[in-house]
Every structure is written in C-alpha cells, then in structure tokens.
C-alpha cells in the first residue's frame, strides 16, 4: 500500500501537467462532432453525391445531385486570385473580379458551428469551387 500511494501521486501529477495538451489534441474532433450534430442538410445530400460535384460541372447538375439549396447569395466582386483551382484562375485571369453565386446545402440547426456545404457558381453557370467543413 505504501508503494502504491507515491505512484498514484506521480500519475496524478503527470495527468495534471499533460491535461492541457490532451485538451488541445481533443478539441477539434469534439468541435467537429458537435458541429456535425448541429447541422440541417438539403434532403438528397449524401457524402457520395457531394463527391460527384466537380469544378466545371453545370449548376443544374449540382442541383440535381444535392437538391435545392437551403440558401443562395451573390457576390459581385470576388477576386479570382483567391480561388483554389488553377484552371479557373487561368480561364478568368488572376486580376479579374467575378460575380459568383454561393449555393449552401446546409445550415445551423441552432446558433453555433455547423457542417458548411457550399458550392460556388461562376458567371458561366459552372462550378468554380466547392467546400465542406465545420465552421469555427
């Protein structure tokens, strides 16, 4: 019994010192799980259907795959240099500013973080970028 007490004290001390690191390591998985549970999706949206959305796909194809968007918004001066796809940047020119439409296929159930599923449509009615991530 006398040997167990010092071991428990050392173990408790190590846990107390390591707990901030443990919390940092576990923060994002817990955060993402909470965000996923706080999300409402468009009815036909699935992981497989979202995987079929590609840059260059027509807007009508996206709506057929993912259903009607829950929200849409238009940006009139989005800088092309901020887009990820090199082919899209070459097509429009890196100094251009585009009018793009954002289609959102998810929203928060309540206030807070959620799984954001968005597709950006360029002026030619084709996908120029798509994104799926838990908001911060």
Foldseek 3Di string as FASTA:
>chain_A
DVVVVVVVVVVVVVCVVCVVVVCVVCVVVVQQVVQAVQKDFQPQDDPVLLVPADFFAALVSNCVSRNAFPDKDKDAFAFLLPFDDPVSCVVQPRRGGWIKMKGWGMDGNDPDKHWTWIFIATPVRTTRDTDTDIDD
